[in-house]
């Protein structure tokens, strides 16, 4: 039990803070079952806070009058007991707040995002959406929530419309067994590994993805890779910027390596300005491999969409369907270990040239190699229905350092070249870099070059 003293300004903040995806406030006296509803909703979403003892706007329109504390902290016991008794158990913490000049206590409850589907004591699933905790009563939506959280995986679903022969007689499984388990019968292997059902011999999604010679044709979901090459650096490319597109499919092992090769081939045709002049764009091969592998083996295959890879002049974007599973967040992704598709991960790791041979270290390797190449780290974010990894081709050096290094090896530099070199998008922002170097007496304008042809050189 923890009691914390807060200021009147903090009281006002709690009293006026808008209820949203991560915050709710309720007057003391609310029924414990209603607190359950909001706590479960937060746990099923991205976590959040409930403060009990500060009324919402509808109950009390005046912010200064919204504090309605309990005279004794034991009066909060029914709320705590109600949350403790939930099954599955919530990960929550609570703190009692006091303020000089305010009567009694309020309780702040912090609920963590969980890796399971949680429900109230009356077996109702709620999910937080904005300022509302909405019930999920449709079995399909609850199943989708379980897939998204990683508590169950679509890889375990049976594909009843496909015969097991598509798996055990494929080129993919024959090649795999010949390399890794030459004396093993294909049917014995997939049954023992639970890639097909023991009783019905119906293949699971994982079995199709791993060993069907053409998974997109055998699954009722999109499961391939779409690659688009854009000739631009813009964040929102137009149709005219789209140069070419490719759609790839196949068993996961070969799909990973085929995708990595196609991305590498496309990158080799792009030329950008570097400190050594105009060169073909290049990224650490390990970073490209690890990020693509991660996108394909950890994606949510219950979502009918392909992995999308967009190649720009200054970056690569990899969008993998499905949010981060379980307790994994953008902040802890390099340290957390959670596998949504354990059968896929385990089987791929058994190949002699396993694409995921460094289990749990893939993204760490990608980040380290970018650093070794003096490039900025990839940027990972959760989108509405997927995880986006942006691999920038931007030097770790400051813009000023990059410009000076370029001019040590080249006679002059123009604004466009410098923007490609530094990753700066704005022409005016780039000019400011030049002006700072000029004011330091390090560079000067090239005589006779004005307007769009303006350039800078090292000062003698």
Protein backbone atom coordinates (compact mmCIF):
# COMPACT_ATOMS: atom_id res chain seq x y z
CA UNK A 1 0.00 0.00 0.00
CA UNK A 2 1.37 3.37 -1.03
CA UNK A 3 0.09 6.83 -0.12
CA UNK A 4 1.33 9.83 -2.10
CA UNK A 5 0.82 13.50 -1.42
CA UNK A 6 -0.01 15.54 -4.53
CA UNK A 7 -0.35 19.27 -5.12
CA UNK A 8 -3.50 21.21 -5.97
CA UNK A 9 -2.11 21.63 -9.50
CA UNK A 10 -1.89 17.85 -9.85
CA UNK A 11 -5.45 17.54 -8.58
CA UNK A 12 -6.58 19.97 -11.27
CA UNK A 13 -4.62 18.02 -13.88
CA UNK A 14 -6.28 14.74 -12.91
CA UNK A 15 -9.64 16.52 -12.80
CA UNK A 16 -9.40 18.08 -16.26
CA UNK A 17 -7.39 15.48 -18.17
CA UNK A 18 -9.50 14.16 -21.02
CA UNK A 19 -10.61 10.55 -20.85
CA UNK A 20 -9.03 8.67 -23.74
CA UNK A 21 -7.39 5.39 -24.75
CA UNK A 22 -5.19 5.47 -21.64
CA UNK A 23 -7.11 7.35 -18.92
CA UNK A 24 -10.46 7.25 -17.14
CA UNK A 25 -11.79 8.84 -13.94
CA UNK A 26 -14.74 7.88 -11.83
CA UNK A 27 -16.35 9.32 -8.69
CA UNK A 28 -15.96 7.34 -5.49
CA UNK A 29 -19.00 5.10 -5.03
CA UNK A 30 -18.97 3.67 -8.55
CA UNK A 31 -19.87 -0.02 -8.57
CA UNK A 32 -16.83 -2.36 -8.51
CA UNK A 33 -18.16 -4.18 -11.57
CA UNK A 34 -17.91 -0.96 -13.59
CA UNK A 35 -14.30 -0.57 -12.51
CA UNK A 36 -13.71 -4.16 -13.66
CA UNK A 37 -15.06 -3.21 -17.08
CA UNK A 38 -12.59 -0.37 -17.59
CA UNK A 39 -9.64 -2.27 -16.11
CA UNK A 40 -10.24 -5.23 -18.41
CA UNK A 41 -10.65 -2.90 -21.38
CA UNK A 42 -7.26 -1.29 -20.70
CA UNK A 43 -5.56 -4.67 -20.24
CA UNK A 44 -6.98 -5.87 -23.56
CA UNK A 45 -5.72 -2.72 -25.31
CA UNK A 46 -2.48 -0.92 -24.49
CA UNK A 47 -2.83 -0.43 -20.73
CA UNK A 48 -4.04 2.68 -18.92
CA UNK A 49 -5.00 4.40 -15.67
CA UNK A 50 -8.24 4.67 -13.73
CA UNK A 51 -8.55 7.21 -10.94
CA UNK A 52 -11.36 6.50 -8.46
CA UNK A 53 -12.52 9.45 -6.43
CA UNK A 54 -12.45 12.17 -9.10
CA UNK A 55 -15.74 12.58 -10.90
CA UNK A 56 -16.05 12.70 -14.67
CA UNK A 57 -17.31 15.79 -16.50
CA UNK A 58 -20.92 14.61 -16.70
CA UNK A 59 -21.16 13.90 -12.98
CA UNK A 60 -19.53 17.20 -11.96
CA UNK A 61 -19.18 20.03 -14.55
CA UNK A 62 -16.92 22.18 -12.31
CA UNK A 63 -13.31 20.88 -12.29
CA UNK A 64 -12.51 22.26 -8.82
CA UNK A 65 -15.40 20.27 -7.34
CA UNK A 66 -14.60 16.90 -8.94
CA UNK A 67 -12.53 15.55 -6.03
CA UNK A 68 -14.77 13.13 -4.13
CA UNK A 69 -12.40 11.17 -1.90
CA UNK A 70 -13.06 8.38 0.58
CA UNK A 71 -12.51 9.15 4.26
CA UNK A 72 -10.64 5.85 4.82
CA UNK A 73 -8.50 3.89 2.37
CA UNK A 74 -10.22 0.66 3.46
CA UNK A 75 -13.31 1.91 1.64
CA UNK A 76 -11.47 1.05 -1.59
CA UNK A 77 -11.17 -2.64 -0.63
CA UNK A 78 -14.19 -3.74 -2.71
CA UNK A 79 -12.53 -2.31 -5.85
CA UNK A 80 -9.19 -3.98 -5.11
CA UNK A 81 -10.84 -7.29 -4.27
CA UNK A 82 -12.91 -7.17 -7.45
CA UNK A 83 -9.80 -6.70 -9.60
CA UNK A 84 -7.74 -9.30 -7.72
CA UNK A 85 -10.38 -11.99 -8.24
CA UNK A 86 -10.48 -11.63 -12.02
CA UNK A 87 -9.31 -14.63 -14.01
CA UNK A 88 -7.02 -14.34 -15.95
CA UNK A 89 -5.32 -12.09 -13.43
CA UNK A 90 -4.65 -8.49 -14.37
CA UNK A 91 -1.24 -6.89 -13.92
CA UNK A 92 -2.17 -3.76 -11.97
CA UNK A 93 -0.79 -1.45 -9.28
CA UNK A 94 -2.63 1.04 -7.09
CA UNK A 95 -1.63 4.18 -5.18
CA UNK A 96 -3.68 6.32 -2.78
CA UNK A 97 -3.49 10.07 -3.34
CA UNK A 98 -3.94 12.86 -0.80
CA UNK A 99 -3.93 16.62 -1.17
CA UNK A 100 -3.84 19.37 1.46
CA UNK A 101 -7.19 21.13 1.45
CA UNK A 102 -9.01 18.18 -0.09
CA UNK A 103 -11.09 15.70 1.88
CA UNK A 104 -10.09 12.05 1.99
CA UNK A 105 -8.24 9.83 -0.45
CA UNK A 106 -8.56 8.91 -4.12
CA UNK A 107 -7.07 5.74 -5.66
CA UNK A 108 -5.02 5.69 -8.86
CA UNK A 109 -5.01 2.27 -10.54
CA UNK A 110 -2.44 1.54 -13.25
CA UNK A 111 -3.24 -1.41 -15.54
CA UNK A 112 -0.59 -2.93 -17.78
CA UNK A 113 -1.17 -4.24 -21.28
CA UNK A 114 -1.52 -8.00 -20.98
CA UNK A 115 -0.63 -10.90 -23.25
CA UNK A 116 -3.98 -12.66 -22.86
CA UNK A 117 -7.63 -11.92 -23.50
CA UNK A 118 -9.14 -10.66 -20.23
CA UNK A 119 -12.75 -10.66 -19.12
CA UNK A 120 -14.88 -9.35 -16.27
CA UNK A 121 -16.39 -11.53 -13.55
CA UNK A 122 -19.52 -11.94 -15.70
CA UNK A 123 -17.31 -13.31 -18.54
CA UNK A 124 -17.56 -10.25 -20.80
CA UNK A 125 -14.58 -9.10 -22.85
CA UNK A 126 -14.07 -5.32 -23.06
CA UNK A 127 -11.56 -3.37 -25.14
CA UNK A 128 -10.66 0.29 -24.77
CA UNK A 129 -11.43 2.51 -27.76
CA UNK A 130 -10.91 6.21 -27.14
CA UNK A 131 -12.86 7.23 -24.04
CA UNK A 132 -15.09 4.14 -24.15
CA UNK A 133 -14.74 0.57 -22.92
CA UNK A 134 -16.60 -1.46 -25.52
CA UNK A 135 -17.84 -5.04 -25.10
CA UNK A 136 -16.66 -7.66 -27.57
CA UNK A 137 -19.42 -10.24 -27.88
CA UNK A 138 -18.69 -11.55 -31.35
CA UNK A 139 -16.60 -14.72 -31.16
CA UNK A 140 -14.69 -13.76 -34.30
CA UNK A 141 -13.63 -10.40 -32.84
CA UNK A 142 -12.51 -12.06 -29.61
CA UNK A 143 -10.49 -14.57 -31.63
CA UNK A 144 -8.88 -11.72 -33.61
CA UNK A 145 -8.00 -10.03 -30.31
CA UNK A 146 -6.33 -13.24 -29.11
CA UNK A 147 -4.30 -13.43 -32.32
CA UNK A 148 -3.29 -9.77 -32.02
CA UNK A 149 -2.14 -10.23 -28.42
CA UNK A 150 -0.25 -13.40 -29.23
CA UNK A 151 -2.12 -15.54 -26.68
CA UNK A 152 -3.12 -17.82 -29.56
CA UNK A 153 -1.72 -17.97 -33.03
CA UNK A 154 -3.38 -18.42 -36.39
CA UNK A 155 -0.50 -20.74 -37.28
CA UNK A 156 -2.29 -23.44 -35.22
CA UNK A 157 -5.56 -23.26 -37.18
CA UNK A 158 -6.48 -26.20 -39.37
CA UNK A 159 -6.88 -25.68 -43.12
CA UNK A 160 -9.70 -28.12 -43.78
CA UNK A 161 -10.00 -27.49 -47.51
CA UNK A 162 -6.43 -28.60 -48.24
CA UNK A 163 -5.21 -32.19 -48.27
CA UNK A 164 -2.10 -33.13 -46.30
CA UNK A 165 -0.48 -34.28 -49.54
CA UNK A 166 0.10 -30.61 -50.39
CA UNK A 167 2.52 -30.59 -47.46
CA UNK A 168 4.12 -34.02 -47.33
CA UNK A 169 4.65 -34.40 -51.11
CA UNK A 170 6.00 -30.90 -51.73
CA UNK A 171 9.46 -30.02 -53.02
CA UNK A 172 9.88 -27.78 -49.99
CA UNK A 173 9.60 -30.52 -47.36
CA UNK A 174 11.66 -33.00 -49.38
CA UNK A 175 14.46 -30.47 -49.66
CA UNK A 176 14.23 -29.62 -45.94
CA UNK A 177 14.29 -33.25 -44.76
CA UNK A 178 17.07 -34.23 -47.13
CA UNK A 179 19.19 -31.44 -45.64
CA UNK A 180 18.25 -31.72 -41.97
CA UNK A 181 16.61 -35.12 -41.27
CA UNK A 182 17.38 -37.39 -44.26
CA UNK A 183 16.03 -40.57 -42.68
CA UNK A 184 12.71 -39.05 -41.57
CA UNK A 185 9.42 -39.75 -43.34
CA UNK A 186 7.60 -36.51 -44.28
CA UNK A 187 4.31 -37.62 -42.69
CA UNK A 188 6.04 -38.68 -39.48
CA UNK A 189 7.79 -35.34 -39.28
CA UNK A 190 4.74 -33.11 -39.74
CA UNK A 191 2.65 -35.21 -37.33
CA UNK A 192 5.34 -35.25 -34.64
CA UNK A 193 5.85 -31.49 -35.01
CA UNK A 194 2.07 -30.90 -34.87
CA UNK A 195 2.11 -29.25 -38.29
CA UNK A 196 -0.89 -31.44 -39.15
CA UNK A 197 -3.61 -32.71 -36.85
CA UNK A 198 -2.83 -36.17 -35.42
CA UNK A 199 -6.40 -37.48 -35.78
CA UNK A 200 -7.68 -35.90 -38.98
CA UNK A 201 -4.33 -35.32 -40.74
CA UNK A 202 -5.60 -31.89 -41.75
CA UNK A 203 -2.69 -29.45 -42.18
CA UNK A 204 -2.25 -26.48 -39.90
CA UNK A 205 -1.56 -22.99 -41.21
CA UNK A 206 2.07 -23.31 -40.10
CA UNK A 207 2.48 -26.49 -42.14
CA UNK A 208 1.09 -24.79 -45.27
CA UNK A 209 3.26 -21.70 -44.82
CA UNK A 210 6.40 -23.75 -44.28
CA UNK A 211 6.04 -26.59 -46.74
CA UNK A 212 3.37 -25.96 -49.35
CA UNK A 213 5.07 -25.09 -52.63
CA UNK A 214 2.50 -22.32 -53.13
CA UNK A 215 1.05 -21.12 -49.78
CA UNK A 216 -0.92 -18.14 -51.22
CA UNK A 217 -2.93 -20.57 -53.34
CA UNK A 218 -3.61 -22.89 -50.39
CA UNK A 219 -4.59 -20.42 -47.66
CA UNK A 220 -7.72 -18.29 -47.36
CA UNK A 221 -5.46 -15.38 -46.41
CA UNK A 222 -2.86 -13.26 -48.19
CA UNK A 223 0.55 -14.36 -47.01
CA UNK A 224 3.10 -13.17 -49.57
CA UNK A 225 5.27 -10.11 -50.05
CA UNK A 226 4.57 -7.01 -52.11
CA UNK A 227 7.52 -4.81 -53.06
CA UNK A 228 7.19 -1.31 -54.52
CA UNK A 229 10.03 0.87 -55.77
CA UNK A 230 9.45 4.64 -55.57
CA UNK A 231 11.77 7.15 -57.23
CA UNK A 232 11.43 9.82 -54.57
CA UNK A 233 12.34 10.77 -51.01
CA UNK A 234 8.86 12.12 -50.22
CA UNK A 235 6.89 10.79 -47.25
CA UNK A 236 3.68 10.66 -49.30
CA UNK A 237 4.67 9.51 -52.78
CA UNK A 238 2.40 10.14 -55.73
CA UNK A 239 1.49 7.60 -58.36
CA UNK A 240 4.02 9.11 -60.78
CA UNK A 241 6.80 8.22 -58.33
CA UNK A 242 5.99 4.50 -58.50
CA UNK A 243 8.55 2.85 -60.80
CA UNK A 244 7.78 -0.88 -60.44
CA UNK A 245 6.09 -3.44 -58.22
CA UNK A 246 6.64 -7.12 -57.48
CA UNK A 247 4.60 -9.82 -55.72
CA UNK A 248 6.47 -12.75 -54.21
CA UNK A 249 5.17 -16.00 -52.75
CA UNK A 250 6.37 -19.46 -51.80
CA UNK A 251 7.27 -21.54 -48.74
CA UNK A 252 8.62 -19.31 -45.99
CA UNK A 253 12.25 -20.40 -46.13
CA UNK A 254 12.67 -19.63 -49.82
CA UNK A 255 10.37 -16.58 -49.59
CA UNK A 256 12.65 -14.95 -47.01
CA UNK A 257 15.77 -15.37 -49.12
CA UNK A 258 14.01 -14.45 -52.37
CA UNK A 259 12.67 -11.26 -50.78
CA UNK A 260 16.08 -10.27 -49.40
CA UNK A 261 17.65 -10.80 -52.83
CA UNK A 262 14.97 -8.82 -54.67
CA UNK A 263 15.30 -5.88 -52.25
CA UNK A 264 19.09 -5.98 -52.60
CA UNK A 265 18.87 -6.06 -56.41
CA UNK A 266 16.47 -3.10 -56.47
CA UNK A 267 18.69 -1.09 -54.14
CA UNK A 268 21.70 -1.65 -56.35
CA UNK A 269 20.08 0.48 -59.07
CA UNK A 270 19.70 3.53 -56.81
CA UNK A 271 22.45 6.14 -56.77
CA UNK A 272 22.73 8.72 -53.99
CA UNK A 273 25.27 11.29 -52.86
CA UNK A 274 27.66 10.08 -50.18
CA UNK A 275 30.81 11.61 -48.72
CA UNK A 276 32.68 9.72 -51.43
CA UNK A 277 30.54 11.16 -54.24
CA UNK A 278 27.66 9.65 -56.21
CA UNK A 279 27.47 5.98 -55.28
CA UNK A 280 25.04 3.06 -55.43
CA UNK A 281 22.98 3.01 -52.27
CA UNK A 282 24.03 0.32 -49.82
CA UNK A 283 22.77 -0.87 -46.45
CA UNK A 284 24.25 -3.50 -44.12
CA UNK A 285 23.10 -6.83 -45.65
CA UNK A 286 22.55 -8.23 -42.16
CA UNK A 287 20.13 -5.41 -41.29
CA UNK A 288 18.04 -5.98 -44.41
CA UNK A 289 18.02 -9.74 -43.84
CA UNK A 290 17.09 -9.60 -40.16
CA UNK A 291 14.30 -7.04 -40.56
CA UNK A 292 12.70 -8.90 -43.49
CA UNK A 293 13.02 -12.22 -41.66
CA UNK A 294 11.45 -10.72 -38.55
CA UNK A 295 8.56 -9.30 -40.58
CA UNK A 296 7.74 -12.67 -42.16
CA UNK A 297 8.11 -15.01 -39.18
CA UNK A 298 6.51 -12.83 -36.49
CA UNK A 299 3.63 -11.29 -38.46
CA UNK A 300 -0.02 -12.05 -37.66
CA UNK A 301 -1.12 -14.47 -40.38
CA UNK A 302 -4.76 -14.17 -39.36
CA UNK A 303 -4.77 -10.79 -41.10
CA UNK A 304 -5.40 -11.17 -44.81
CA UNK A 305 -2.61 -8.98 -46.10
CA UNK A 306 0.90 -9.30 -47.45
CA UNK A 307 4.11 -7.95 -45.98
CA UNK A 308 4.66 -4.64 -47.78
CA UNK A 309 8.15 -3.35 -48.60
CA UNK A 310 8.54 0.13 -50.06
CA UNK A 311 11.94 1.15 -51.38
CA UNK A 312 12.61 4.89 -51.58
CA UNK A 313 15.74 6.79 -52.59
CA UNK A 314 16.65 7.42 -48.95
CA UNK A 315 14.98 4.63 -46.97
CA UNK A 316 13.30 1.23 -46.95
CA UNK A 317 9.95 0.73 -45.23
CA UNK A 318 8.85 -2.75 -44.11
CA UNK A 319 5.24 -3.10 -42.93
CA UNK A 320 4.33 -6.37 -41.25
CA UNK A 321 0.62 -7.19 -40.62
CA UNK A 322 -0.44 -7.36 -36.99
CA UNK A 323 0.46 -5.41 -33.87
CA UNK A 324 3.26 -6.41 -31.52
CA UNK A 325 2.28 -9.55 -29.60
CA UNK A 326 1.87 -9.96 -25.86
CA UNK A 327 3.93 -7.66 -23.67
CA UNK A 328 6.23 -6.57 -26.52
CA UNK A 329 6.27 -2.81 -27.10
CA UNK A 330 8.20 -0.45 -29.35
CA UNK A 331 10.23 0.53 -26.29
CA UNK A 332 11.26 -2.98 -25.18
CA UNK A 333 11.32 -4.78 -28.54
CA UNK A 334 15.11 -5.18 -28.54
CA UNK A 335 15.03 -6.88 -25.14
CA UNK A 336 11.67 -8.68 -25.06
CA UNK A 337 11.38 -12.29 -26.18
CA UNK A 338 7.94 -13.36 -27.38
CA UNK A 339 7.16 -15.58 -30.34
CA UNK A 340 3.70 -15.35 -31.90
CA UNK A 341 4.41 -18.20 -34.34
CA UNK A 342 6.48 -20.67 -32.35
CA UNK A 343 6.09 -23.57 -34.83
CA UNK A 344 7.33 -21.41 -37.70
CA UNK A 345 10.23 -20.02 -35.67
CA UNK A 346 11.28 -23.46 -34.44
CA UNK A 347 11.10 -25.16 -37.84
CA UNK A 348 12.96 -22.43 -39.76
CA UNK A 349 15.72 -22.55 -37.15
CA UNK A 350 16.33 -26.20 -38.06
CA UNK A 351 17.49 -25.42 -41.59
CA UNK A 352 21.22 -25.69 -42.11
CA UNK A 353 21.30 -22.09 -43.32
CA UNK A 354 18.61 -20.93 -40.92
CA UNK A 355 17.30 -17.43 -41.70
CA UNK A 356 16.74 -16.95 -37.96
CA UNK A 357 19.85 -18.71 -36.69
CA UNK A 358 20.48 -16.06 -34.00
CA UNK A 359 17.23 -16.64 -32.15
CA UNK A 360 16.11 -13.53 -30.27
CA UNK A 361 19.02 -11.43 -31.58
CA UNK A 362 17.78 -10.54 -35.07
CA UNK A 363 16.74 -6.93 -34.48
CA UNK A 364 19.70 -6.31 -32.19
CA UNK A 365 21.98 -7.42 -35.03
CA UNK A 366 20.13 -5.12 -37.46
CA UNK A 367 20.61 -2.13 -35.16
CA UNK A 368 24.27 -2.90 -34.44
CA UNK A 369 25.15 -3.27 -38.12
CA UNK A 370 23.52 0.07 -38.94
CA UNK A 371 25.71 1.62 -36.26
CA UNK A 372 28.81 -0.13 -37.63
CA UNK A 373 28.05 1.37 -41.04
CA UNK A 374 27.64 4.82 -39.44
CA UNK A 375 23.97 4.92 -40.38
CA UNK A 376 21.10 5.96 -38.13
CA UNK A 377 19.06 3.30 -36.37
CA UNK A 378 15.92 1.83 -37.90
CA UNK A 379 12.72 3.41 -36.58
CA UNK A 380 10.01 1.02 -35.34
CA UNK A 381 6.40 2.08 -34.85
CA UNK A 382 3.00 0.44 -34.44
CA UNK A 383 0.56 1.43 -37.13
CA UNK A 384 -3.21 0.87 -37.06
CA UNK A 385 -2.93 -2.75 -38.11
CA UNK A 386 0.74 -3.53 -38.34
CA UNK A 387 4.34 -2.88 -37.35
CA UNK A 388 6.37 -0.50 -39.52
CA UNK A 389 10.17 -0.55 -39.62
CA UNK A 390 11.83 2.32 -41.46
CA UNK A 391 15.48 1.75 -42.41
CA UNK A 392 16.96 5.18 -43.16
CA UNK A 393 20.01 5.79 -45.31
CA UNK A 394 21.14 8.70 -43.14
CA UNK A 395 24.62 9.19 -41.72
CA UNK A 396 25.17 9.17 -37.96
CA UNK A 397 27.38 12.21 -38.43
CA UNK A 398 25.86 15.64 -37.80
CA UNK A 399 24.86 17.57 -40.97
CA UNK A 400 27.84 19.89 -40.47
CA UNK A 401 30.26 16.98 -40.12
CA UNK A 402 28.83 15.27 -43.21
CA UNK A 403 29.17 18.42 -45.34
CA UNK A 404 32.78 18.99 -44.25
CA UNK A 405 33.69 15.34 -44.84
CA UNK A 406 32.16 15.54 -48.31
CA UNK A 407 34.12 18.68 -49.14
CA UNK A 408 37.37 17.06 -48.02
CA UNK A 409 36.93 14.67 -50.95
CA UNK A 410 34.97 16.81 -53.42
CA UNK A 411 35.47 20.33 -54.77
CA UNK A 412 31.98 21.66 -53.95
CA UNK A 413 28.52 20.71 -52.73
CA UNK A 414 25.02 21.81 -53.74
CA UNK A 415 21.88 21.95 -51.62
CA UNK A 416 20.29 18.86 -53.21
CA UNK A 417 23.45 16.79 -52.76
CA UNK A 418 23.72 17.87 -49.14
CA UNK A 419 20.09 16.94 -48.44
CA UNK A 420 20.65 13.44 -49.79
CA UNK A 421 23.82 13.21 -47.73
CA UNK A 422 22.31 14.36 -44.43
CA UNK A 423 18.71 13.21 -44.71
CA UNK A 424 17.43 16.78 -44.29
CA UNK A 425 14.23 17.25 -46.30
CA UNK A 426 13.87 21.04 -46.25
CA UNK A 427 15.94 23.16 -48.65
CA UNK A 428 15.84 26.08 -46.20
CA UNK A 429 16.99 23.91 -43.29
CA UNK A 430 19.93 22.79 -45.40
CA UNK A 431 20.76 26.41 -46.17
CA UNK A 432 20.92 27.08 -42.44
CA UNK A 433 23.56 24.35 -42.10
CA UNK A 434 25.61 26.04 -44.82
CA UNK A 435 25.20 29.43 -43.12
CA UNK A 436 26.40 28.06 -39.77
CA UNK A 437 29.51 26.60 -41.41
CA UNK A 438 30.06 29.88 -43.27
CA UNK A 439 29.79 31.89 -40.04
CA UNK A 440 32.40 29.61 -38.49
CA UNK A 441 34.69 30.49 -41.38
CA UNK A 442 34.79 26.89 -42.66
CA UNK A 443 33.07 27.16 -46.06
CA UNK A 444 32.26 29.82 -48.65
CA UNK A 445 30.08 30.23 -51.72
CA UNK A 446 31.48 29.15 -55.07
CA UNK A 447 31.80 32.33 -57.17
CA UNK A 448 29.60 32.61 -60.24
CA UNK A 449 27.09 29.96 -59.15
CA UNK A 450 23.73 31.44 -58.23
CA UNK A 451 20.11 30.34 -57.86
CA UNK A 452 19.53 26.59 -58.37
CA UNK A 453 23.19 26.13 -59.32
CA UNK A 454 24.49 27.67 -56.07
CA UNK A 455 27.26 25.66 -54.40
CA UNK A 456 29.67 25.81 -51.48
CA UNK A 457 33.35 24.93 -51.08
CA UNK A 458 35.90 24.74 -48.30
CA UNK A 459 37.34 28.08 -47.33
CA UNK A 460 41.04 28.32 -48.10
